[in-house]
Amino acid sequence: MTDLIKELKKMDLGKILTNVSLKEYTTYKVGGTAQMMIFPKDIDSLVTLIKKLKTLHVKYMVLGNGSNVLFSDSVYEGVLIKLDEFNKIEFQDNKVICGAGASLMKVAIQSTRKGLTGLEFATGIPGSIGGAVYMNAGAYKSDMGYVVTKVKVLTPKMTVITMVNRELDFHYRTSFLKKNKDYICLEATIQLKKGKKEEIEQLVNDRKKRRLETQPLDYPSAGSVFRNPKDMFAGKLIEDLGYKGLIKGGAKISEKHANFIINFNHAKAKDIKELIDFIKQVVKENYDIDLVVEQEFINWE
């Protein structure tokens, strides 16, 4: 890995960090270290980097804001690619063109200030645009699939193509990109509508107040742990079983919202993973429901 680091630095593809603590790059604030993290400065640099890593058979993955992942406590023996430099936010009338590394919350808030409606659901989602498209992030009965018209992607053949909404196969918390991980989101075009600024801001403020009252936002978490089963709420299933406040190491099932696991006392990743596995097991035993985890488990092999 030392030789690879030297070689990549000579290629001048972007900022390179080594032995990176993943606690600094995930919203759970847990995880081991990554051997290398690279911030490509443009698409050409990204393509050159991936070609190099593939040639050398080096493990890699693209990491967004780390708001929907759970890394293990082990060393990630490979390269994490961060598209933070792909952070363009450009408004054109009622649409906004955003780079994959742009903040979803920032785009949503700027849209609100311009009196554009359609992204109110996203003002409390701490992900990147690329990550939001990848997992079809959503809330309040809306999601990215309703507003994204097209996405610029890098294909496994290292070509850049544009995919339109119908090709992206958006469904509840999933998309074409999530099912085809070799495709990388580079940029998204979001279509919004003119609205009444005061009404939009009021709705956003009301939802912010509701989040503060009902979600444990004062502790590190990754939002909802489980998808809601059809016509049910995962949090209510867990609460009815009496597991609010259940502790494992430094992790706890929130007493405010049972579908949140919080890092309340220097948790290890394994503490969170064991709570998730336990809840899945007891919900299956008591309700015969297979809860689907929203977060992705990385480096647990």
C-alpha atoms as a PDB file:
ATOM      1  CA  MET A   1       0.000   0.000   0.000  1.00  0.00           C
ATOM      2  CA  THR A   2       2.929   2.348   0.707  1.00  0.00           C
ATOM      3  CA  ASP A   3       4.108   2.062  -2.905  1.00  0.00           C
ATOM      4  CA  LEU A   4       0.575   2.676  -4.174  1.00  0.00           C
ATOM      5  CA  ILE A   5       0.271   5.810  -2.044  1.00  0.00           C
ATOM      6  CA  LYS A   6       3.548   7.174  -3.452  1.00  0.00           C
ATOM      7  CA  GLU A   7       2.441   6.397  -7.004  1.00  0.00           C
ATOM      8  CA  LEU A   8      -0.987   7.997  -6.608  1.00  0.00           C
ATOM      9  CA  LYS A   9       0.523  11.131  -5.071  1.00  0.00           C
ATOM     10  CA  LYS A  10       2.764  11.497  -8.122  1.00  0.00           C
ATOM     11  CA  MET A  11      -0.308  11.220 -10.378  1.00  0.00           C
ATOM     12  CA  ASP A  12      -1.830  14.308  -8.688  1.00  0.00           C
ATOM     13  CA  LEU A  13      -5.428  13.070  -8.779  1.00  0.00           C
ATOM     14  CA  GLY A  14      -6.564  14.940  -5.681  1.00  0.00           C
ATOM     15  CA  LYS A  15      -6.093  15.062  -1.930  1.00  0.00           C
ATOM     16  CA  ILE A  16      -4.953  11.784  -0.332  1.00  0.00           C
ATOM     17  CA  LEU A  17      -5.332  10.843   3.331  1.00  0.00           C
ATOM     18  CA  THR A  18      -3.905   7.711   4.958  1.00  0.00           C
ATOM     19  CA  ASN A  19      -4.900   5.721   8.058  1.00  0.00           C
ATOM     20  CA  VAL A  20      -8.178   7.605   8.249  1.00  0.00           C
ATOM     21  CA  SER A  21     -10.429   7.217  11.292  1.00  0.00           C
ATOM     22  CA  LEU A  22     -13.874   6.338   9.972  1.00  0.00           C
ATOM     23  CA  LYS A  23     -15.405   7.862  13.096  1.00  0.00           C
ATOM     24  CA  GLU A  24     -14.741  11.200  11.412  1.00  0.00           C
ATOM     25  CA  TYR A  25     -16.553  10.250   8.204  1.00  0.00           C
ATOM     26  CA  THR A  26     -19.717   8.475   9.390  1.00  0.00           C
ATOM     27  CA  THR A  27     -22.724   9.854  11.245  1.00  0.00           C
ATOM     28  CA  TYR A  28     -22.675   6.917  13.696  1.00  0.00           C
ATOM     29  CA  LYS A  29     -19.141   8.102  14.653  1.00  0.00           C
ATOM     30  CA  VAL A  30     -17.885   4.506  14.796  1.00  0.00           C
ATOM     31  CA  GLY A  31     -15.701   2.212  12.703  1.00  0.00           C
ATOM     32  CA  GLY A  32     -12.069   1.317  12.275  1.00  0.00           C
ATOM     33  CA  THR A  33      -9.572   3.009   9.988  1.00  0.00           C
ATOM     34  CA  ALA A  34      -9.292   3.143   6.210  1.00  0.00           C
ATOM     35  CA  GLN A  35      -5.852   2.628   4.721  1.00  0.00           C
ATOM     36  CA  MET A  36      -6.430   5.387   2.195  1.00  0.00           C
ATOM     37  CA  MET A  37      -9.038   8.010   1.304  1.00  0.00           C
ATOM     38  CA  ILE A  38      -8.850   9.973  -1.941  1.00  0.00           C
ATOM     39  CA  PHE A  39     -10.777  13.080  -3.025  1.00  0.00           C
ATOM     40  CA  PRO A  40     -10.581  13.124  -6.871  1.00  0.00           C
ATOM     41  CA  LYS A  41     -10.541  16.674  -8.212  1.00  0.00           C
ATOM     42  CA  ASP A  42     -12.566  15.964 -11.362  1.00  0.00           C
ATOM     43  CA  ILE A  43     -14.098  13.207 -13.496  1.00  0.00           C
ATOM     44  CA  ASP A  44     -10.859  12.509 -15.399  1.00  0.00           C
ATOM     45  CA  SER A  45      -9.018  12.033 -12.104  1.00  0.00           C
ATOM     46  CA  LEU A  46     -11.754   9.695 -10.868  1.00  0.00           C
ATOM     47  CA  VAL A  47     -11.556   7.591 -14.029  1.00  0.00           C
ATOM     48  CA  THR A  48      -7.753   7.422 -13.883  1.00  0.00           C
ATOM     49  CA  LEU A  49      -7.891   6.423 -10.210  1.00  0.00           C
ATOM     50  CA  ILE A  50     -10.435   3.635 -10.669  1.00  0.00           C
ATOM     51  CA  LYS A  51      -8.617   2.218 -13.690  1.00  0.00           C
ATOM     52  CA  LYS A  52      -5.426   2.107 -11.629  1.00  0.00           C
ATOM     53  CA  LEU A  53      -7.117   0.427  -8.662  1.00  0.00           C
ATOM     54  CA  LYS A  54      -8.781  -2.146 -10.917  1.00  0.00           C
ATOM     55  CA  THR A  55      -5.492  -2.952 -12.632  1.00  0.00           C
ATOM     56  CA  LEU A  56      -3.853  -3.562  -9.262  1.00  0.00           C
ATOM     57  CA  HIS A  57      -6.918  -5.407  -7.868  1.00  0.00           C
ATOM     58  CA  VAL A  58      -7.171  -2.964  -4.963  1.00  0.00           C
ATOM     59  CA  LYS A  59     -10.494  -2.895  -3.108  1.00  0.00           C
ATOM     60  CA  TYR A  60     -12.323   0.434  -3.267  1.00  0.00           C
ATOM     61  CA  MET A  61     -15.702   2.035  -2.738  1.00  0.00           C
ATOM     62  CA  VAL A  62     -17.278   5.469  -3.092  1.00  0.00           C
ATOM     63  CA  LEU A  63     -18.363   6.947   0.242  1.00  0.00           C
ATOM     64  CA  GLY A  64     -20.858   9.792   0.506  1.00  0.00           C
ATOM     65  CA  ASN A  65     -21.550  11.582   3.791  1.00  0.00           C
ATOM     66  CA  GLY A  66     -21.453   8.296   5.707  1.00  0.00           C
ATOM     67  CA  SER A  67     -25.018   8.816   6.910  1.00  0.00           C
ATOM     68  CA  ASN A  68     -26.311   5.381   5.963  1.00  0.00           C
ATOM     69  CA  VAL A  69     -23.396   3.004   6.505  1.00  0.00           C
ATOM     70  CA  LEU A  70     -21.969   0.944   9.342  1.00  0.00           C
ATOM     71  CA  PHE A  71     -18.274   0.141   8.975  1.00  0.00           C
ATOM     72  CA  SER A  72     -16.822  -2.585  11.180  1.00  0.00           C
ATOM     73  CA  ASP A  73     -14.174  -1.816  13.786  1.00  0.00           C
ATOM     74  CA  SER A  74     -11.538  -3.472  11.569  1.00  0.00           C
ATOM     75  CA  VAL A  75      -9.140  -1.818   9.131  1.00  0.00           C
ATOM     76  CA  TYR A  76     -10.627  -1.191   5.685  1.00  0.00           C
ATOM     77  CA  GLU A  77      -7.861  -2.604   3.519  1.00  0.00           C
ATOM     78  CA  GLY A  78      -8.438  -0.565   0.429  1.00  0.00           C
ATOM     79  CA  VAL A  79      -9.297   2.891  -0.871  1.00  0.00           C
ATOM     80  CA  LEU A  80     -12.320   5.002   0.002  1.00  0.00           C
ATOM     81  CA  ILE A  81     -13.218   7.523  -2.686  1.00  0.00           C
ATOM     82  CA  LYS A  82     -14.898  10.753  -1.605  1.00  0.00           C
ATOM     83  CA  LEU A  83     -16.520  12.956  -4.253  1.00  0.00           C
ATOM     84  CA  ASP A  84     -16.505  16.089  -2.086  1.00  0.00           C
ATOM     85  CA  GLU A  85     -15.012  18.115  -4.964  1.00  0.00           C
ATOM     86  CA  PHE A  86     -18.065  17.279  -7.087  1.00  0.00           C
ATOM     87  CA  ASN A  87     -20.069  19.872  -5.167  1.00  0.00           C
ATOM     88  CA  LYS A  88     -21.658  22.070  -7.826  1.00  0.00           C
ATOM     89  CA  ILE A  89     -25.111  23.497  -7.063  1.00  0.00           C
ATOM     90  CA  GLU A  90     -26.530  25.379 -10.043  1.00  0.00           C
ATOM     91  CA  PHE A  91     -30.109  26.659 -10.244  1.00  0.00           C
ATOM     92  CA  GLN A  92     -31.690  27.093 -13.678  1.00  0.00           C
ATOM     93  CA  ASP A  93     -35.250  28.408 -13.322  1.00  0.00           C
ATOM     94  CA  ASN A  94     -37.177  25.601 -11.598  1.00  0.00           C
ATOM     95  CA  LYS A  95     -34.455  22.971 -11.748  1.00  0.00           C
ATOM     96  CA  VAL A  96     -31.173  22.506  -9.921  1.00  0.00           C
ATOM     97  CA  ILE A  97     -28.107  20.655 -11.204  1.00  0.00           C
ATOM     98  CA  CYS A  98     -26.052  19.201  -8.354  1.00  0.00           C
ATOM     99  CA  GLY A  99     -22.757  17.389  -8.144  1.00  0.00           C
ATOM    100  CA  ALA A 100     -22.738  14.024  -6.377  1.00  0.00           C
ATOM    101  CA  GLY A 101     -20.711  15.459  -3.498  1.00  0.00           C
ATOM    102  CA  ALA A 102     -23.061  18.360  -2.813  1.00  0.00           C
ATOM    103  CA  SER A 103     -25.005  18.299   0.459  1.00  0.00           C
ATOM    104  CA  LEU A 104     -28.647  17.249   0.018  1.00  0.00           C
ATOM    105  CA  MET A 105     -29.649  19.412   2.972  1.00  0.00           C
ATOM    106  CA  LYS A 106     -27.859  22.416   1.487  1.00  0.00           C
ATOM    107  CA  VAL A 107     -29.615  21.961  -1.863  1.00  0.00           C
ATOM    108  CA  ALA A 108     -32.982  21.569  -0.129  1.00  0.00           C
ATOM    109  CA  ILE A 109     -32.482  24.659   2.040  1.00  0.00           C
ATOM    110  CA  GLN A 110     -31.344  26.775  -0.916  1.00  0.00           C
ATOM    111  CA  SER A 111     -34.387  25.588  -2.882  1.00  0.00           C
ATOM    112  CA  THR A 112     -36.649  26.632  -0.009  1.00  0.00           C
ATOM    113  CA  ARG A 113     -35.084  30.099   0.087  1.00  0.00           C
ATOM    114  CA  LYS A 114     -35.742  30.483  -3.641  1.00  0.00           C
ATOM    115  CA  GLY A 115     -39.411  29.596  -3.178  1.00  0.00           C
ATOM    116  CA  LEU A 116     -39.075  26.270  -4.985  1.00  0.00           C
ATOM    117  CA  THR A 117     -41.150  23.351  -3.756  1.00  0.00           C
ATOM    118  CA  GLY A 118     -40.426  19.621  -4.020  1.00  0.00           C
ATOM    119  CA  LEU A 119     -37.414  19.125  -1.753  1.00  0.00           C
ATOM    120  CA  GLU A 120     -38.983  20.022   1.586  1.00  0.00           C
ATOM    121  CA  PHE A 121     -38.720  16.353   2.622  1.00  0.00           C
ATOM    122  CA  ALA A 122     -34.920  16.522   2.343  1.00  0.00           C
ATOM    123  CA  THR A 123     -34.137  19.459   4.646  1.00  0.00           C
ATOM    124  CA  GLY A 124     -33.409  17.041   7.515  1.00  0.00           C
ATOM    125  CA  ILE A 125     -31.546  14.313   5.606  1.00  0.00           C
ATOM    126  CA  PRO A 126     -27.754  14.602   6.163  1.00  0.00           C
ATOM    127  CA  GLY A 127     -26.585  12.846   3.018  1.00  0.00           C
ATOM    128  CA  SER A 128     -24.810  13.748  -0.199  1.00  0.00           C
ATOM    129  CA  ILE A 129     -26.686  14.070  -3.485  1.00  0.00           C
ATOM    130  CA  GLY A 130     -24.945  10.947  -4.798  1.00  0.00           C
ATOM    131  CA  GLY A 131     -25.827   8.928  -1.709  1.00  0.00           C
ATOM    132  CA  ALA A 132     -29.415  10.204  -1.760  1.00  0.00           C
ATOM    133  CA  VAL A 133     -29.886   9.151  -5.387  1.00  0.00           C
ATOM    134  CA  TYR A 134     -28.176   5.799  -4.727  1.00  0.00           C
ATOM    135  CA  MET A 135     -30.527   4.842  -1.873  1.00  0.00           C
ATOM    136  CA  ASN A 136     -33.515   6.908  -3.036  1.00  0.00           C
ATOM    137  CA  ALA A 137     -33.543   8.868   0.205  1.00  0.00           C
ATOM    138  CA  GLY A 138     -36.910  10.115   1.340  1.00  0.00           C
ATOM    139  CA  ALA A 139     -39.249  11.200   4.093  1.00  0.00           C
ATOM    140  CA  TYR A 140     -42.828  12.394   4.533  1.00  0.00           C
ATOM    141  CA  LYS A 141     -44.118  10.154   1.715  1.00  0.00           C
ATOM    142  CA  SER A 142     -41.727  11.644  -0.845  1.00  0.00           C
ATOM    143  CA  ASP A 143     -38.263  10.714  -2.105  1.00  0.00           C
ATOM    144  CA  MET A 144     -35.638  11.459  -4.730  1.00  0.00           C
ATOM    145  CA  GLY A 145     -37.512   9.419  -7.314  1.00  0.00           C
ATOM    146  CA  TYR A 146     -40.216  12.086  -7.427  1.00  0.00           C
ATOM    147  CA  VAL A 147     -37.858  14.968  -8.211  1.00  0.00           C
ATOM    148  CA  VAL A 148     -34.770  13.602 -10.004  1.00  0.00           C
ATOM    149  CA  THR A 149     -35.185  13.815 -13.785  1.00  0.00           C
ATOM    150  CA  LYS A 150     -31.759  12.570 -14.873  1.00  0.00           C
ATOM    151  CA  VAL A 151     -28.405  11.508 -13.487  1.00  0.00           C
ATOM    152  CA  LYS A 152     -24.937  11.610 -14.995  1.00  0.00           C
ATOM    153  CA  VAL A 153     -23.147   8.370 -14.134  1.00  0.00           C
ATOM    154  CA  LEU A 154     -19.787   6.709 -14.633  1.00  0.00           C
ATOM    155  CA  THR A 155     -20.307   3.205 -16.015  1.00  0.00           C
ATOM    156  CA  PRO A 156     -18.203   0.091 -15.264  1.00  0.00           C
ATOM    157  CA  LYS A 157     -16.599   0.637 -18.702  1.00  0.00           C
ATOM    158  CA  MET A 158     -15.421   4.076 -17.493  1.00  0.00           C
ATOM    159  CA  THR A 159     -17.700   5.997 -19.842  1.00  0.00           C
ATOM    160  CA  VAL A 160     -19.949   8.866 -18.722  1.00  0.00           C
ATOM    161  CA  ILE A 161     -23.605   8.523 -19.666  1.00  0.00           C
ATOM    162  CA  THR A 162     -26.873  10.203 -18.686  1.00  0.00           C
ATOM    163  CA  MET A 163     -29.695   8.067 -17.292  1.00  0.00           C
ATOM    164  CA  VAL A 164     -33.242   9.413 -17.104  1.00  0.00           C
ATOM    165  CA  ASN A 165     -35.698   8.847 -14.278  1.00  0.00           C
ATOM    166  CA  ARG A 166     -37.413   5.766 -15.707  1.00  0.00           C
ATOM    167  CA  GLU A 167     -34.046   4.037 -16.185  1.00  0.00           C
ATOM    168  CA  LEU A 168     -33.027   4.680 -12.581  1.00  0.00           C
ATOM    169  CA  ASP A 169     -35.651   2.257 -11.229  1.00  0.00           C
ATOM    170  CA  PHE A 170     -36.473   4.248  -8.111  1.00  0.00           C
ATOM    171  CA  HIS A 171     -38.415   2.334  -5.462  1.00  0.00           C
ATOM    172  CA  TYR A 172     -38.682   2.546  -1.680  1.00  0.00           C
ATOM    173  CA  ARG A 173     -35.090   3.113  -0.461  1.00  0.00           C
ATOM    174  CA  THR A 174     -33.498   1.607  -3.554  1.00  0.00           C
ATOM    175  CA  SER A 175     -32.547   2.380  -7.144  1.00  0.00           C
ATOM    176  CA  PHE A 176     -30.708   1.065 -10.197  1.00  0.00           C
ATOM    177  CA  LEU A 177     -27.470   2.427  -8.712  1.00  0.00           C
ATOM    178  CA  LYS A 178     -27.906   0.543  -5.463  1.00  0.00           C
ATOM    179  CA  LYS A 179     -28.454  -2.684  -7.396  1.00  0.00           C
ATOM    180  CA  ASN A 180     -25.570  -1.947  -9.775  1.00  0.00           C
ATOM    181  CA  LYS A 181     -22.749  -0.711  -7.560  1.00  0.00           C
ATOM    182  CA  ASP A 182     -20.238  -0.421 -10.418  1.00  0.00           C
ATOM    183  CA  TYR A 183     -22.174   2.603 -11.669  1.00  0.00           C
ATOM    184  CA  ILE A 184     -21.207   5.837  -9.894  1.00  0.00           C
ATOM    185  CA  CYS A 185     -23.432   8.897  -9.617  1.00  0.00           C
ATOM    186  CA  LEU A 186     -21.570  12.044 -10.733  1.00  0.00           C
ATOM    187  CA  GLU A 187     -24.360  14.599 -11.016  1.00  0.00           C
ATOM    188  CA  ALA A 188     -28.140  14.823 -10.677  1.00  0.00           C
ATOM    189  CA  THR A 189     -30.736  17.142 -12.171  1.00  0.00           C
ATOM    190  CA  ILE A 190     -33.679  17.860  -9.875  1.00  0.00           C
ATOM    191  CA  GLN A 191     -36.953  19.337 -11.145  1.00  0.00           C
ATOM    192  CA  LEU A 192     -38.851  21.560  -8.722  1.00  0.00           C
ATOM    193  CA  LYS A 193     -41.876  23.863  -8.936  1.00  0.00           C
ATOM    194  CA  LYS A 194     -42.529  27.471  -8.049  1.00  0.00           C
ATOM    195  CA  GLY A 195     -44.325  27.742  -4.736  1.00  0.00           C
ATOM    196  CA  LYS A 196     -45.168  30.290  -2.076  1.00  0.00           C
ATOM    197  CA  LYS A 197     -41.958  30.913  -0.160  1.00  0.00           C
ATOM    198  CA  GLU A 198     -43.704  31.638   3.158  1.00  0.00           C
ATOM    199  CA  GLU A 199     -45.734  28.391   2.977  1.00  0.00           C
ATOM    200  CA  ILE A 200     -42.664  26.335   2.055  1.00  0.00           C
ATOM    201  CA  GLU A 201     -40.622  27.817   4.900  1.00  0.00           C
ATOM    202  CA  GLN A 202     -43.479  27.242   7.343  1.00  0.00           C
ATOM    203  CA  LEU A 203     -43.702  23.572   6.330  1.00  0.00           C
ATOM    204  CA  VAL A 204     -39.924  23.139   6.694  1.00  0.00           C
ATOM    205  CA  ASN A 205     -39.933  24.811  10.110  1.00  0.00           C
ATOM    206  CA  ASP A 206     -42.881  22.707  11.311  1.00  0.00           C
ATOM    207  CA  ARG A 207     -41.093  19.523  10.275  1.00  0.00           C
ATOM    208  CA  LYS A 208     -37.855  20.650  11.897  1.00  0.00           C
ATOM    209  CA  LYS A 209     -39.732  21.226  15.157  1.00  0.00           C
ATOM    210  CA  ARG A 210     -41.331  17.790  14.873  1.00  0.00           C
ATOM    211  CA  ARG A 211     -37.940  16.122  14.244  1.00  0.00           C
ATOM    212  CA  LEU A 212     -36.443  17.802  17.300  1.00  0.00           C
ATOM    213  CA  GLU A 213     -39.353  16.565  19.403  1.00  0.00           C
ATOM    214  CA  THR A 214     -39.452  13.000  18.117  1.00  0.00           C
ATOM    215  CA  GLN A 215     -35.896  12.088  17.052  1.00  0.00           C
ATOM    216  CA  PRO A 216     -32.681  11.809  19.129  1.00  0.00           C
ATOM    217  CA  LEU A 217     -30.768  14.417  17.151  1.00  0.00           C
ATOM    218  CA  ASP A 218     -28.417  15.194  20.047  1.00  0.00           C
ATOM    219  CA  TYR A 219     -26.548  11.870  19.611  1.00  0.00           C
ATOM    220  CA  PRO A 220     -24.715  10.317  16.639  1.00  0.00           C
ATOM    221  CA  SER A 221     -26.951   7.958  14.644  1.00  0.00           C
ATOM    222  CA  ALA A 222     -27.722   7.014  11.065  1.00  0.00           C
ATOM    223  CA  GLY A 223     -31.410   7.877  11.164  1.00  0.00           C
ATOM    224  CA  SER A 224     -34.004   5.135  10.870  1.00  0.00           C
ATOM    225  CA  VAL A 225     -32.360   1.731  11.216  1.00  0.00           C
ATOM    226  CA  PHE A 226     -35.110  -0.377   9.622  1.00  0.00           C
ATOM    227  CA  ARG A 227     -37.445   0.179   6.717  1.00  0.00           C
ATOM    228  CA  ASN A 228     -41.083   0.348   7.712  1.00  0.00           C
ATOM    229  CA  PRO A 229     -42.923  -2.859   6.801  1.00  0.00           C
ATOM    230  CA  LYS A 230     -46.006  -2.337   4.653  1.00  0.00           C
ATOM    231  CA  ASP A 231     -48.720  -0.468   6.586  1.00  0.00           C
ATOM    232  CA  MET A 232     -46.635  -0.638   9.790  1.00  0.00           C
ATOM    233  CA  PHE A 233     -43.971   1.334  11.631  1.00  0.00           C
ATOM    234  CA  ALA A 234     -40.768  -0.466  12.596  1.00  0.00           C
ATOM    235  CA  GLY A 235     -40.348   1.821  15.603  1.00  0.00           C
ATOM    236  CA  LYS A 236     -43.741   0.840  17.010  1.00  0.00           C
ATOM    237  CA  LEU A 237     -42.980  -2.881  16.626  1.00  0.00           C
ATOM    238  CA  ILE A 238     -39.754  -2.415  18.598  1.00  0.00           C
ATOM    239  CA  GLU A 239     -41.393  -0.180  21.211  1.00  0.00           C
ATOM    240  CA  ASP A 240     -44.280  -2.617  21.741  1.00  0.00           C
ATOM    241  CA  LEU A 241     -41.738  -5.345  22.518  1.00  0.00           C
ATOM    242  CA  GLY A 242     -40.352  -3.130  25.285  1.00  0.00           C
ATOM    243  CA  TYR A 243     -36.905  -2.507  23.811  1.00  0.00           C
ATOM    244  CA  LYS A 244     -36.734   1.277  23.962  1.00  0.00           C
ATOM    245  CA  GLY A 245     -33.595   2.150  25.909  1.00  0.00           C
ATOM    246  CA  LEU A 246     -31.945  -1.253  25.398  1.00  0.00           C
ATOM    247  CA  ILE A 247     -28.158  -0.862  25.755  1.00  0.00           C
ATOM    248  CA  LYS A 248     -25.280  -2.801  24.251  1.00  0.00           C
ATOM    249  CA  GLY A 249     -21.881  -1.379  25.141  1.00  0.00           C
ATOM    250  CA  GLY A 250     -21.997   2.275  24.160  1.00  0.00           C
ATOM    251  CA  ALA A 251     -24.974   1.893  21.820  1.00  0.00           C
ATOM    252  CA  LYS A 252     -28.619   2.287  22.749  1.00  0.00           C
ATOM    253  CA  ILE A 253     -32.045   1.969  21.175  1.00  0.00           C
ATOM    254  CA  SER A 254     -33.318   5.507  21.522  1.00  0.00           C
ATOM    255  CA  GLU A 255     -35.929   6.177  24.184  1.00  0.00           C
ATOM    256  CA  LYS A 256     -37.234   8.956  21.960  1.00  0.00           C
ATOM    257  CA  HIS A 257     -37.710   6.862  18.794  1.00  0.00           C
ATOM    258  CA  ALA A 258     -37.281   3.079  18.843  1.00  0.00           C
ATOM    259  CA  ASN A 259     -36.200   2.909  15.191  1.00  0.00           C
ATOM    260  CA  PHE A 260     -33.051   4.898  15.996  1.00  0.00           C
ATOM    261  CA  ILE A 261     -29.883   3.412  17.464  1.00  0.00           C
ATOM    262  CA  ILE A 262     -27.674   6.058  19.017  1.00  0.00           C
ATOM    263  CA  ASN A 263     -24.003   6.177  19.916  1.00  0.00           C
ATOM    264  CA  PHE A 264     -24.466   7.565  23.418  1.00  0.00           C
ATOM    265  CA  ASN A 265     -21.203   6.514  25.068  1.00  0.00           C
ATOM    266  CA  HIS A 266     -18.240   5.894  22.748  1.00  0.00           C
ATOM    267  CA  ALA A 267     -19.880   2.884  21.088  1.00  0.00           C
ATOM    268  CA  LYS A 268     -18.024   0.363  18.991  1.00  0.00           C
ATOM    269  CA  ALA A 269     -19.433  -0.605  15.612  1.00  0.00           C
ATOM    270  CA  LYS A 270     -19.986  -4.123  16.945  1.00  0.00           C
ATOM    271  CA  ASP A 271     -22.282  -2.717  19.681  1.00  0.00           C
ATOM    272  CA  ILE A 272     -24.552  -1.194  17.039  1.00  0.00           C
ATOM    273  CA  LYS A 273     -24.404  -4.283  14.823  1.00  0.00           C
ATOM    274  CA  GLU A 274     -25.337  -6.564  17.739  1.00  0.00           C
ATOM    275  CA  LEU A 275     -28.344  -4.378  18.610  1.00  0.00           C
ATOM    276  CA  ILE A 276     -29.493  -4.432  14.968  1.00  0.00           C
ATOM    277  CA  ASP A 277     -29.125  -8.220  14.754  1.00  0.00           C
ATOM    278  CA  PHE A 278     -30.950  -8.701  18.072  1.00  0.00           C
ATOM    279  CA  ILE A 279     -33.908  -6.538  17.039  1.00  0.00           C
ATOM    280  CA  LYS A 280     -34.172  -8.315  13.695  1.00  0.00           C
ATOM    281  CA  GLN A 281     -34.263 -11.644  15.544  1.00  0.00           C
ATOM    282  CA  VAL A 282     -36.891 -10.726  18.153  1.00  0.00           C
ATOM    283  CA  VAL A 283     -39.182  -9.007  15.644  1.00  0.00           C
ATOM    284  CA  LYS A 284     -39.017 -12.134  13.463  1.00  0.00           C
ATOM    285  CA  GLU A 285     -39.759 -14.362  16.466  1.00  0.00           C
ATOM    286  CA  ASN A 286     -42.665 -12.263  17.742  1.00  0.00           C
ATOM    287  CA  TYR A 287     -44.259 -10.938  14.555  1.00  0.00           C
ATOM    288  CA  ASP A 288     -42.871 -13.185  11.808  1.00  0.00           C
ATOM    289  CA  ILE A 289     -41.650 -10.029  10.043  1.00  0.00           C
ATOM    290  CA  ASP A 290     -38.226  -9.786   8.417  1.00  0.00           C
ATOM    291  CA  LEU A 291     -37.161  -6.212   9.063  1.00  0.00           C
ATOM    292  CA  VAL A 292     -34.972  -4.772   6.316  1.00  0.00           C
ATOM    293  CA  VAL A 293     -31.980  -2.755   7.512  1.00  0.00           C
ATOM    294  CA  GLU A 294     -31.602   0.641   5.837  1.00  0.00           C
ATOM    295  CA  GLN A 295     -27.899   0.964   6.607  1.00  0.00           C
ATOM    296  CA  GLU A 296     -25.262  -0.910   4.613  1.00  0.00           C
ATOM    297  CA  PHE A 297     -22.768  -3.071   6.514  1.00  0.00           C
ATOM    298  CA  ILE A 298     -19.241  -2.545   5.209  1.00  0.00           C
ATOM    299  CA  ASN A 299     -16.058  -4.516   5.944  1.00  0.00           C
ATOM    300  CA  TRP A 300     -17.720  -7.149   8.126  1.00  0.00           C
ATOM    301  CA  GLU A 301     -16.409 -10.125   6.122  1.00  0.00           C
END
